[in-house]
Amino acid sequence: PPLGLEGVAKIRALTDLPLVGIGGIHVGNARQVIQAGADGIAVVSAICSAAYPDEAVRALLETL
């Protein structure tokens, strides 16, 4: 099951290893995943399923 932002924060507290959020991440929650402690995010669906992938990438980068 998804761990959510609380899960990301708990994992971050347990390790200094790189932590990547994956699954269900999009422009509306990407910043929160990073703020919860992830070092990076995987956003395949948010880009590949977008009508305009280049605009989706731009929006994600602006969000971060």
N, C-alpha and C. Protein backbone atom coordinates (compact mmCIF):
# COMPACT_ATOMS: atom_id res chain seq x y z
N PRO A 1 0.83 -1.21 0.00
CA PRO A 1 0.00 0.00 0.00
C PRO A 1 0.86 1.26 0.00
N PRO A 2 0.35 2.34 -0.53
CA PRO A 2 1.11 3.60 -0.55
C PRO A 2 1.45 4.06 0.86
N LEU A 3 2.63 4.61 1.00
CA LEU A 3 3.08 5.09 2.31
C LEU A 3 2.67 6.52 2.58
N GLY A 4 2.47 7.28 1.53
CA GLY A 4 2.08 8.68 1.69
C GLY A 4 3.22 9.54 2.19
N LEU A 5 2.91 10.79 2.39
CA LEU A 5 3.92 11.75 2.83
C LEU A 5 4.45 11.42 4.22
N GLU A 6 3.59 10.93 5.07
CA GLU A 6 4.01 10.54 6.42
C GLU A 6 5.01 9.39 6.36
N GLY A 7 4.78 8.46 5.47
CA GLY A 7 5.70 7.35 5.29
C GLY A 7 7.05 7.79 4.77
N VAL A 8 7.04 8.74 3.84
CA VAL A 8 8.30 9.28 3.32
C VAL A 8 9.09 9.91 4.45
N ALA A 9 8.41 10.69 5.28
CA ALA A 9 9.09 11.35 6.40
C ALA A 9 9.66 10.32 7.39
N LYS A 10 8.92 9.24 7.64
CA LYS A 10 9.41 8.21 8.57
C LYS A 10 10.64 7.50 8.00
N ILE A 11 10.60 7.18 6.72
CA ILE A 11 11.76 6.53 6.10
C ILE A 11 12.96 7.47 6.11
N ARG A 12 12.74 8.75 5.82
CA ARG A 12 13.84 9.71 5.82
C ARG A 12 14.51 9.75 7.18
N ALA A 13 13.73 9.65 8.24
CA ALA A 13 14.29 9.68 9.59
C ALA A 13 15.13 8.45 9.90
N LEU A 14 14.95 7.38 9.15
CA LEU A 14 15.66 6.13 9.42
C LEU A 14 16.94 5.95 8.61
N THR A 15 17.14 6.76 7.58
CA THR A 15 18.30 6.54 6.71
C THR A 15 18.81 7.83 6.09
N ASP A 16 20.09 7.81 5.77
CA ASP A 16 20.70 8.91 5.02
C ASP A 16 20.90 8.52 3.56
N LEU A 17 20.50 7.30 3.20
CA LEU A 17 20.60 6.86 1.81
C LEU A 17 19.66 7.67 0.93
N PRO A 18 19.96 7.77 -0.36
CA PRO A 18 19.05 8.49 -1.26
C PRO A 18 17.65 7.88 -1.23
N LEU A 19 16.66 8.72 -1.22
CA LEU A 19 15.27 8.31 -1.14
C LEU A 19 14.51 8.92 -2.31
N VAL A 20 13.88 8.06 -3.12
CA VAL A 20 13.14 8.52 -4.30
C VAL A 20 11.67 8.15 -4.14
N GLY A 21 10.81 9.14 -4.26
CA GLY A 21 9.37 8.90 -4.24
C GLY A 21 8.92 8.42 -5.60
N ILE A 22 8.09 7.40 -5.64
CA ILE A 22 7.61 6.85 -6.90
C ILE A 22 6.16 6.39 -6.73
N GLY A 23 5.36 6.67 -7.72
CA GLY A 23 3.98 6.21 -7.72
C GLY A 23 2.99 7.30 -7.34
N GLY A 24 2.18 7.69 -8.27
CA GLY A 24 1.13 8.67 -8.00
C GLY A 24 1.62 10.10 -7.83
N ILE A 25 2.83 10.37 -8.25
CA ILE A 25 3.38 11.71 -8.09
C ILE A 25 3.09 12.53 -9.35
N HIS A 26 2.64 13.75 -9.12
CA HIS A 26 2.27 14.65 -10.22
C HIS A 26 2.53 16.08 -9.78
N VAL A 27 2.21 17.02 -10.65
CA VAL A 27 2.51 18.42 -10.37
C VAL A 27 1.81 18.91 -9.09
N GLY A 28 0.70 18.29 -8.74
CA GLY A 28 -0.05 18.71 -7.56
C GLY A 28 0.52 18.25 -6.24
N ASN A 29 1.43 17.26 -6.25
CA ASN A 29 1.98 16.78 -4.98
C ASN A 29 3.50 16.60 -4.99
N ALA A 30 4.14 16.89 -6.08
CA ALA A 30 5.59 16.69 -6.19
C ALA A 30 6.37 17.46 -5.12
N ARG A 31 6.03 18.70 -4.92
CA ARG A 31 6.74 19.52 -3.93
C ARG A 31 6.60 18.93 -2.53
N GLN A 32 5.42 18.44 -2.19
CA GLN A 32 5.19 17.87 -0.86
C GLN A 32 6.03 16.61 -0.64
N VAL A 33 6.22 15.83 -1.69
CA VAL A 33 7.04 14.61 -1.57
C VAL A 33 8.49 14.99 -1.25
N ILE A 34 9.00 15.99 -1.94
CA ILE A 34 10.36 16.48 -1.68
C ILE A 34 10.44 17.06 -0.26
N GLN A 35 9.46 17.84 0.10
CA GLN A 35 9.47 18.45 1.44
C GLN A 35 9.36 17.40 2.55
N ALA A 36 8.73 16.28 2.25
CA ALA A 36 8.61 15.21 3.24
C ALA A 36 9.93 14.47 3.44
N GLY A 37 10.89 14.67 2.52
CA GLY A 37 12.20 14.07 2.71
C GLY A 37 12.78 13.32 1.53
N ALA A 38 12.03 13.17 0.46
CA ALA A 38 12.57 12.49 -0.72
C ALA A 38 13.65 13.34 -1.37
N ASP A 39 14.68 12.68 -1.86
CA ASP A 39 15.75 13.38 -2.57
C ASP A 39 15.37 13.62 -4.03
N GLY A 40 14.47 12.81 -4.52
CA GLY A 40 14.03 12.92 -5.91
C GLY A 40 12.69 12.25 -6.08
N ILE A 41 12.13 12.39 -7.28
CA ILE A 41 10.83 11.80 -7.58
C ILE A 41 10.88 11.13 -8.94
N ALA A 42 10.04 10.10 -9.11
CA ALA A 42 9.86 9.44 -10.40
C ALA A 42 8.46 9.81 -10.88
N VAL A 43 8.36 10.33 -12.08
CA VAL A 43 7.08 10.87 -12.55
C VAL A 43 6.72 10.37 -13.95
N VAL A 44 6.88 9.11 -14.20
CA VAL A 44 6.65 8.55 -15.53
C VAL A 44 5.23 8.82 -16.01
N SER A 45 4.23 8.43 -15.25
CA SER A 45 2.84 8.60 -15.68
C SER A 45 2.45 10.06 -15.84
N ALA A 46 2.95 10.90 -14.95
CA ALA A 46 2.61 12.33 -15.03
C ALA A 46 3.10 12.96 -16.32
N ILE A 47 4.14 12.41 -16.89
CA ILE A 47 4.68 12.94 -18.14
C ILE A 47 4.12 12.18 -19.35
N CYS A 48 4.20 10.87 -19.31
CA CYS A 48 3.81 10.05 -20.46
C CYS A 48 2.32 10.10 -20.77
N SER A 49 1.49 10.29 -19.77
CA SER A 49 0.05 10.33 -20.01
C SER A 49 -0.47 11.74 -20.26
N ALA A 50 0.40 12.73 -20.20
CA ALA A 50 -0.02 14.11 -20.42
C ALA A 50 -0.26 14.36 -21.91
N ALA A 51 -1.24 15.18 -22.21
CA ALA A 51 -1.52 15.55 -23.60
C ALA A 51 -0.31 16.24 -24.22
N TYR A 52 0.38 17.01 -23.40
CA TYR A 52 1.57 17.73 -23.86
C TYR A 52 2.70 17.44 -22.87
N PRO A 53 3.45 16.37 -23.10
CA PRO A 53 4.50 15.97 -22.16
C PRO A 53 5.52 17.08 -21.86
N ASP A 54 5.87 17.87 -22.87
CA ASP A 54 6.84 18.94 -22.63
C ASP A 54 6.31 19.96 -21.64
N GLU A 55 5.03 20.25 -21.70
CA GLU A 55 4.43 21.19 -20.74
C GLU A 55 4.35 20.56 -19.35
N ALA A 56 4.12 19.25 -19.29
CA ALA A 56 4.08 18.56 -18.00
C ALA A 56 5.45 18.62 -17.32
N VAL A 57 6.50 18.41 -18.10
CA VAL A 57 7.86 18.50 -17.55
C VAL A 57 8.13 19.90 -17.05
N ARG A 58 7.78 20.88 -17.86
CA ARG A 58 8.02 22.27 -17.48
C ARG A 58 7.28 22.61 -16.17
N ALA A 59 6.03 22.18 -16.06
CA ALA A 59 5.23 22.46 -14.86
C ALA A 59 5.86 21.79 -13.63
N LEU A 60 6.32 20.56 -13.78
CA LEU A 60 6.95 19.88 -12.66
C LEU A 60 8.23 20.59 -12.22
N LEU A 61 9.04 20.99 -13.19
CA LEU A 61 10.27 21.70 -12.84
C LEU A 61 9.99 23.03 -12.16
N GLU A 62 8.97 23.73 -12.61
CA GLU A 62 8.61 25.00 -11.98
C GLU A 62 8.10 24.78 -10.55
N THR A 63 7.41 23.68 -10.33
CA THR A 63 6.89 23.34 -9.02
C THR A 63 8.01 23.08 -8.02
N LEU A 64 9.07 22.45 -8.52
CA LEU A 64 10.19 22.11 -7.65
C LEU A 64 11.15 23.26 -7.52
